[in-house]
Structure formats: C-alpha cells, structure tokens
Amino acid sequence: MAIPTHSTPSAPPAAPRAVVQLHFDRPPSNGSGLLGSLLARRPAQAPAEALGMRFHAQWNGVRARSAQLARYRTVCDLPAGPALPLLYLHALAMPLHMAILSHPAFPLRLLGLVHWSNRIESLQPVANDAVLSLECTLNGITPTERGQSFSLHTTARVQGAVVWREVSTFLSPLAKRKSDSATKARPASEVPEPDWGAPVAQWPVAANAGRRFAGPSGDWNPIHVSAFTARLFGYPRAIAHGLFSAARCLELLQANRPATHPVTLDLRFKRPLLIPGSVALHTAPEGPATRFVLRVQPTGEPHIEGVFQG
C-alpha cells in the first residue's frame, strides 16, 4: 500500500537543501547519538524549511561478522549457507541508517516513526565473507495526508558492482484527533484480495523474540525489546520486528525452490504483532511472483503483506 504523496495546503514542497555528507571507513558508532536522538525534543512533523533536507552516507569495507551472522540465522531459524540471507544486508546497513537518523540535522523525532514498507532487489548472491561498500541517501521529506514520509535508498556494491539495493519508507504520523473514529471505513484495496485458502505454515513467536533479534539486527527500538519499555510508548506488550517476521516468511517462500537471481521482495507492514503471539502464513500465485500475507492469530489481522519473485 503506497503512502499518499500529495502535499497538504499548509506544507508546500520545499526547495532542495545542501546535502549532508557522511563517510565511514569503519563501523559508524551511533550509541550516544542514538540515545541523544531518542531523548531530543524533535517534532513529530518537520517544519516546512526542513522538508528539503538531504543526506548521502557511505561506508566502505563492510564485512559480516561471523558470530553476529550466526546469531541472526539462529534467531530467524535460517539454514547455514555460502551467501548472506537477503534481509541480512538490511541489518548490515543499519549502522549507516542510524548515522543519518541520529544526525543533529535530521529533523524528525525517532520514537514514533513507523516503518511502512520495504522494497529489496538482490541482483546476485553475496558471499558470507564479501567486502561491501554501502551507500545510503535520503532525499527530502514528503507531507502526506497521514503525516510526513521519507525513504532511505540503500545500495550495496562488491568490487564496484551493484549486488543489492533497498528502499525503506518511513512515516512520521500525524497525531490522532478525538474526532477520528477507530472504526472509520478503510478505502478499498487497489489490488483485489486473492482466495488465500488454508495457511501454508503457522508458528508461535516468543516473548523474547524482539530482544533476541535486536542484537544481530542492530535495531534496539525499545518498543521491541521488552514489555516494560514498550508500555512506555503505548503498547501493552513488546511487538515483533517486522523484518524478523519477514525473514521467516522469506525462508518459507524460498524453500524447495532453485536459487535464482535477480530476486525482488516487496513488503508492507500492516499491524503490529504483540509478543508472545502466533502467526499464520498464506500464499497465492500472482503471475511469476508469489503474493503472501502473514496474519496474526487468532484475529486474522494482517501483520505483513508482500510479493516475492525469484
């Protein structure tokens, strides 16, 4: 589901600003900057003069650490193999993403940002010991009817050749008004729902899944790591990382298929999954691709929707 991108009357498009350049030859150290950003009194909606802000960040000499990679595979229940898991490259790029989001020039509050969607393209397998160059850009913030959105465009190269790329889109939502109804009718989906039929897989998600995934993924958002910290931000319990859920879906979608490239994966994060909880995966063919939905049990609400082709 795409975020509406038409501008509100009070927020005309901003002129592009000078690009903030960040270059790293060693892992970005974001701990203190991230803590400061979480505590900073940034607004949930950036002022008009900040909408044109741009970042370009590059990190050379990136390698997966074998212990961290092994933990990622264990937590996500992925098999060992000679190539990096498709979504692990997002985890490798997380320090670069956080270098942008925790930078003093980034104008939005971090807590409350909603990871809305991901589009990933893997052009060729990336060996576990490959030396990567990661590049990430952010080209402005767009006002929408739901709030302000922006996208992080990430590219991974090996010896100069592009091997993987991703667009992660985030939303900083508008505050809900008392007049907003929780039962307000949602617009009809642009894509008709398939006949999903019975689930192809079901599994439980443990209460500590967020904390276990935070280490190898680099995503320590407090809404994921414990019920206590999640309650500070309005959730009754911790919620699962969307990309943790997506990694398990992807493994099941790729099972018993020959390894081919390129591979594309489109993800839309729909509803939070409170943990402990359980989920059911449904799939349906869509031309050469596979459409899927991961539903929260027993309510049947969609946690993730997506399309996989490869």
Protein backbone atom coordinates (compact mmCIF):
# COMPACT_ATOMS: atom_id res chain seq x y z
CA MET A 1 0.00 0.00 0.00
CA ALA A 2 1.61 3.25 -1.08
CA ILE A 3 1.62 6.29 1.15
CA PRO A 4 -0.36 9.15 -0.46
CA THR A 5 2.19 11.70 -1.57
CA HIS A 6 0.12 14.76 -2.38
CA SER A 7 1.14 17.81 -0.33
CA THR A 8 -1.12 19.42 2.24
CA PRO A 9 -2.08 23.07 1.62
CA SER A 10 -0.07 24.22 4.63
CA ALA A 11 3.13 22.48 3.57
CA PRO A 12 4.26 23.27 0.02
CA PRO A 13 7.20 21.31 -1.38
CA ALA A 14 10.49 22.57 -0.02
CA ALA A 15 13.45 23.56 -2.15
CA PRO A 16 16.35 21.07 -2.07
CA ARG A 17 18.99 21.87 0.52
CA ALA A 18 22.71 21.20 0.63
CA VAL A 19 23.49 17.51 1.05
CA VAL A 20 24.85 16.34 4.41
CA GLN A 21 27.80 14.09 3.51
CA LEU A 22 28.80 11.25 5.82
CA HIS A 23 31.73 8.92 5.04
CA PHE A 24 32.92 5.97 7.12
CA ASP A 25 35.81 3.54 6.75
CA ARG A 26 34.89 1.75 9.97
CA PRO A 27 31.52 0.92 11.53
CA PRO A 28 29.59 4.08 12.47
CA SER A 29 29.38 4.41 16.25
CA ASN A 30 25.84 5.57 16.91
CA GLY A 31 25.23 4.64 20.53
CA SER A 32 25.49 8.07 22.14
CA GLY A 33 23.96 9.81 19.12
CA LEU A 34 21.02 7.42 19.09
CA LEU A 35 20.39 7.90 22.81
CA GLY A 36 20.54 11.66 22.37
CA SER A 37 18.16 11.47 19.42
CA LEU A 38 15.68 9.36 21.38
CA LEU A 39 15.70 11.92 24.19
CA ALA A 40 15.83 15.02 21.96
CA ARG A 41 12.71 17.15 21.72
CA ARG A 42 12.40 16.88 17.98
CA PRO A 43 8.96 17.39 16.45
CA ALA A 44 6.82 14.62 15.02
CA GLN A 45 6.30 16.84 11.96
CA ALA A 46 9.27 18.70 10.50
CA PRO A 47 8.93 22.44 9.79
CA ALA A 48 8.48 23.46 6.17
CA GLU A 49 12.04 24.78 5.90
CA ALA A 50 13.43 21.32 6.80
CA LEU A 51 11.45 19.28 4.27
CA GLY A 52 14.12 19.59 1.59
CA MET A 53 16.92 18.15 3.75
CA ARG A 54 19.14 15.54 2.06
CA PHE A 55 21.74 13.04 3.21
CA HIS A 56 24.35 10.96 1.44
CA ALA A 57 26.16 8.39 3.59
CA GLN A 58 28.82 5.89 2.54
CA TRP A 59 30.56 3.11 4.46
CA ASN A 60 33.43 1.22 2.85
CA GLY A 61 35.00 -2.08 3.87
CA VAL A 62 31.83 -3.60 5.34
CA ARG A 63 32.01 -7.28 6.27
CA ALA A 64 29.58 -9.54 8.09
CA ARG A 65 30.91 -10.68 11.43
CA SER A 66 30.63 -14.45 11.57
CA ALA A 67 29.32 -14.60 15.15
CA GLN A 68 26.65 -11.97 14.51
CA LEU A 69 25.63 -13.64 11.25
CA ALA A 70 25.34 -17.00 13.01
CA ARG A 71 23.13 -15.42 15.71
CA TYR A 72 20.93 -13.84 13.04
CA ARG A 73 20.43 -17.20 11.33
CA THR A 74 19.68 -18.90 14.65
CA VAL A 75 17.16 -16.29 15.79
CA CYS A 76 15.37 -16.28 12.41
CA ASP A 77 15.57 -20.08 12.06
CA LEU A 78 17.53 -19.83 8.81
CA PRO A 79 19.85 -22.53 7.47
CA ALA A 80 23.57 -22.02 7.05
CA GLY A 81 24.75 -21.32 3.50
CA PRO A 82 27.55 -19.73 1.47
CA ALA A 83 25.62 -16.48 0.79
CA LEU A 84 24.24 -13.81 3.10
CA PRO A 85 20.48 -14.02 3.75
CA LEU A 86 18.60 -11.48 1.63
CA LEU A 87 17.38 -9.43 4.59
CA TYR A 88 20.66 -9.63 6.50
CA LEU A 89 22.06 -6.91 4.27
CA HIS A 90 19.47 -4.59 5.78
CA ALA A 91 20.95 -5.44 9.19
CA LEU A 92 24.45 -4.73 7.85
CA ALA A 93 23.24 -1.33 6.65
CA MET A 94 21.50 -0.46 9.94
CA PRO A 95 24.51 1.47 11.38
CA LEU A 96 24.54 3.62 8.23
CA HIS A 97 20.79 4.23 8.52
CA MET A 98 21.15 5.20 12.16
CA ALA A 99 24.02 7.56 11.34
CA ILE A 100 21.51 9.52 9.25
CA LEU A 101 18.52 9.28 11.59
CA SER A 102 20.56 10.22 14.68
CA HIS A 103 22.41 13.07 12.96
CA PRO A 104 21.71 16.51 14.50
CA ALA A 105 20.45 17.75 11.11
CA PHE A 106 17.73 15.08 10.89
CA PRO A 107 14.57 16.97 11.89
CA LEU A 108 12.09 14.27 12.95
CA ARG A 109 11.52 12.50 16.25
CA LEU A 110 12.80 8.94 16.08
CA LEU A 111 10.35 7.39 18.52
CA GLY A 112 7.01 7.10 16.80
CA LEU A 113 8.43 6.62 13.30
CA VAL A 114 6.53 3.84 11.51
CA HIS A 115 8.46 1.53 9.18
CA TRP A 116 5.88 1.49 6.39
CA SER A 117 7.35 -0.58 3.56
CA ASN A 118 10.47 -2.13 2.06
CA ARG A 119 11.41 -3.00 -1.50
CA ILE A 120 14.52 -5.13 -1.88
CA GLU A 121 16.29 -6.31 -5.03
CA SER A 122 19.10 -8.85 -4.88
CA LEU A 123 20.95 -8.89 -8.19
CA GLN A 124 23.36 -11.69 -7.31
CA PRO A 125 24.32 -13.79 -4.28
CA VAL A 126 26.60 -12.05 -1.78
CA ALA A 127 29.19 -14.36 -0.21
CA ASN A 128 29.32 -14.51 3.58
CA ASP A 129 32.85 -13.07 3.56
CA ALA A 130 32.30 -10.44 0.85
CA VAL A 131 33.73 -6.95 1.36
CA LEU A 132 30.97 -4.45 0.68
CA SER A 133 30.60 -0.77 0.04
CA LEU A 134 27.27 0.54 1.36
CA GLU A 135 25.70 3.79 0.24
CA CYS A 136 22.52 5.37 1.59
CA THR A 137 20.66 8.50 0.52
CA LEU A 138 17.69 10.40 1.90
CA ASN A 139 16.23 12.98 -0.46
CA GLY A 140 13.77 15.10 1.46
CA ILE A 141 10.60 14.61 3.47
CA THR A 142 7.17 14.48 1.84
CA PRO A 143 3.95 15.70 3.51
CA THR A 144 1.03 13.29 3.06
CA GLU A 145 -2.50 13.01 4.41
CA ARG A 146 -1.22 10.58 7.08
CA GLY A 147 1.83 12.56 8.15
CA GLN A 148 5.33 13.07 6.78
CA SER A 149 7.17 10.30 4.95
CA PHE A 150 10.71 9.74 3.76
CA SER A 151 12.68 6.91 2.17
CA LEU A 152 16.17 5.57 2.74
CA HIS A 153 17.68 4.32 -0.54
CA THR A 154 20.47 1.84 0.17
CA THR A 155 22.85 0.23 -2.33
CA ALA A 156 25.43 -2.49 -1.70
CA ARG A 157 28.40 -2.97 -4.05
CA VAL A 158 31.10 -5.61 -4.29
CA GLN A 159 34.20 -4.51 -6.22
CA GLY A 160 32.16 -1.64 -7.67
CA ALA A 161 29.28 -3.77 -8.97
CA VAL A 162 25.79 -3.29 -7.50
CA VAL A 163 24.68 -6.56 -5.88
CA TRP A 164 21.74 -5.46 -3.69
CA ARG A 165 19.52 -2.44 -3.23
CA GLU A 166 16.66 -1.43 -1.00
CA VAL A 167 14.12 1.34 -0.48
CA SER A 168 12.84 1.60 3.10
CA THR A 169 9.93 4.01 3.56
CA PHE A 170 9.02 5.50 6.93
CA LEU A 171 6.09 7.56 8.15
CA SER A 172 6.02 10.07 10.98
CA PRO A 173 2.27 10.00 11.61
CA LEU A 174 0.05 12.92 12.43
CA ALA A 175 -1.37 12.92 15.94
CA LYS A 176 -4.78 11.28 16.08
CA ARG A 177 -7.65 13.63 16.73
CA LYS A 178 -10.56 12.87 19.04
CA SER A 179 -12.86 13.16 16.04
CA ASP A 180 -11.02 10.31 14.28
CA SER A 181 -13.00 7.11 14.54
CA ALA A 182 -11.19 3.83 15.09
CA THR A 183 -13.91 2.17 13.05
CA LYS A 184 -13.72 4.55 10.12
CA ALA A 185 -14.10 2.62 6.87
CA ARG A 186 -10.83 1.96 5.09
CA PRO A 187 -10.61 2.64 1.37
CA ALA A 188 -10.95 -0.41 -0.84
CA SER A 189 -7.64 -2.03 -1.74
CA GLU A 190 -6.42 -1.22 -5.22
CA VAL A 191 -5.40 -4.87 -5.66
CA PRO A 192 -8.20 -7.44 -5.21
CA GLU A 193 -7.66 -9.95 -2.43
CA PRO A 194 -6.87 -13.45 -3.67
CA ASP A 195 -8.50 -16.57 -2.30
CA TRP A 196 -5.87 -17.24 0.32
CA GLY A 197 -7.14 -20.64 1.38
CA ALA A 198 -5.57 -22.53 4.28
CA PRO A 199 -2.25 -21.31 5.72
CA VAL A 200 0.92 -22.93 4.40
CA ALA A 201 2.62 -22.53 7.79
CA GLN A 202 1.88 -21.44 11.34
CA TRP A 203 4.27 -20.74 14.22
CA PRO A 204 4.48 -19.16 17.67
CA VAL A 205 6.56 -16.05 18.37
CA ALA A 206 8.16 -15.95 21.81
CA ALA A 207 8.01 -13.01 24.22
CA ASN A 208 11.79 -12.53 23.97
CA ALA A 209 11.88 -12.58 20.15
CA GLY A 210 12.36 -8.81 19.91
CA ARG A 211 15.24 -8.78 22.36
CA ARG A 212 16.93 -11.74 20.67
CA PHE A 213 16.59 -10.16 17.21
CA ALA A 214 17.77 -6.70 18.33
CA GLY A 215 21.40 -7.80 18.76
CA PRO A 216 22.18 -9.31 15.35
CA SER A 217 19.88 -6.85 13.53
CA GLY A 218 21.13 -3.71 15.26
CA ASP A 219 17.56 -2.47 15.86
CA TRP A 220 17.22 -1.69 19.58
CA ASN A 221 13.98 0.27 19.35
CA PRO A 222 12.52 -0.01 22.87
CA ILE A 223 9.08 -1.00 21.58
CA HIS A 224 10.62 -4.33 20.56
CA VAL A 225 12.93 -5.30 23.40
CA SER A 226 10.64 -5.69 26.43
CA ALA A 227 7.08 -5.33 27.63
CA PHE A 228 8.21 -2.68 30.13
CA THR A 229 9.83 -0.40 27.55
CA ALA A 230 7.01 -0.99 25.06
CA ARG A 231 4.44 0.16 27.64
CA LEU A 232 6.31 3.47 27.93
CA PHE A 233 5.25 4.11 24.32
CA GLY A 234 1.67 2.95 24.50
CA TYR A 235 1.90 -0.76 23.68
CA PRO A 236 0.53 -3.35 26.14
CA ARG A 237 3.42 -5.70 25.30
CA ALA A 238 6.54 -5.68 23.14
CA ILE A 239 5.96 -6.00 19.40
CA ALA A 240 7.93 -8.14 16.95
CA HIS A 241 10.32 -6.53 14.47
CA GLY A 242 8.70 -6.52 11.04
CA LEU A 243 11.91 -7.67 9.39
CA PHE A 244 12.21 -10.57 11.84
CA SER A 245 8.78 -11.77 10.73
CA ALA A 246 9.67 -11.12 7.08
CA ALA A 247 12.88 -13.18 7.32
CA ARG A 248 10.92 -16.24 8.39
CA CYS A 249 8.34 -15.70 5.64
CA LEU A 250 11.09 -15.39 3.04
CA GLU A 251 12.74 -18.62 4.14
CA LEU A 252 9.45 -20.48 3.72
CA LEU A 253 8.79 -18.84 0.34
CA GLN A 254 12.23 -19.86 -0.93
CA ALA A 255 12.08 -23.41 0.42
CA ASN A 256 12.30 -26.13 -2.24
CA ARG A 257 12.97 -23.56 -4.99
CA PRO A 258 16.14 -23.41 -7.08
CA ALA A 259 18.32 -20.42 -6.22
CA THR A 260 17.82 -17.79 -8.92
CA HIS A 261 18.64 -14.11 -9.37
CA PRO A 262 17.55 -11.41 -9.53
CA VAL A 263 15.21 -11.68 -6.54
CA THR A 264 12.71 -9.00 -5.52
CA LEU A 265 10.78 -8.68 -2.29
CA ASP A 266 8.11 -6.05 -1.61
CA LEU A 267 6.94 -5.74 1.98
CA ARG A 268 4.15 -3.69 3.55
CA PHE A 269 3.99 -3.62 7.33
CA LYS A 270 0.33 -3.57 8.33
CA ARG A 271 -0.38 -4.30 12.01
CA PRO A 272 1.94 -4.79 14.99
CA LEU A 273 2.40 -8.32 16.31
CA LEU A 274 2.24 -8.30 20.10
CA ILE A 275 4.55 -10.91 21.60
CA PRO A 276 4.20 -13.58 22.74
CA GLY A 277 1.86 -14.34 19.87
CA SER A 278 1.37 -16.56 16.87
CA VAL A 279 1.07 -16.09 13.11
CA ALA A 280 -0.10 -17.91 10.01
CA LEU A 281 1.37 -17.52 6.52
CA HIS A 282 -0.91 -17.59 3.45
CA THR A 283 0.31 -17.52 -0.15
CA ALA A 284 -1.22 -17.16 -3.61
CA PRO A 285 0.36 -17.16 -7.10
CA GLU A 286 0.45 -13.83 -8.93
CA GLY A 287 1.90 -14.40 -12.41
CA PRO A 288 5.59 -15.26 -11.99
CA ALA A 289 5.51 -13.97 -8.41
CA THR A 290 4.04 -15.14 -5.11
CA ARG A 291 1.80 -12.90 -3.10
CA PHE A 292 1.65 -13.54 0.64
CA VAL A 293 0.14 -12.33 3.89
CA LEU A 294 1.23 -13.10 7.44
CA ARG A 295 -1.79 -12.97 9.74
CA VAL A 296 -1.90 -12.51 13.50
CA GLN A 297 -3.67 -15.39 15.22
CA PRO A 298 -6.43 -15.80 16.20
CA THR A 299 -7.77 -12.44 14.95
CA GLY A 300 -6.61 -12.87 11.35
CA GLU A 301 -5.39 -9.26 11.12
CA PRO A 302 -2.55 -8.82 8.59
CA HIS A 303 0.87 -8.30 10.15
CA ILE A 304 2.81 -8.21 6.84
CA GLU A 305 1.71 -8.29 3.21
CA GLY A 306 4.12 -8.76 0.35
CA VAL A 307 5.12 -10.01 -3.06
CA PHE A 308 8.13 -12.26 -3.69
CA GLN A 309 9.66 -13.03 -7.06
CA GLY A 310 12.76 -15.05 -7.63
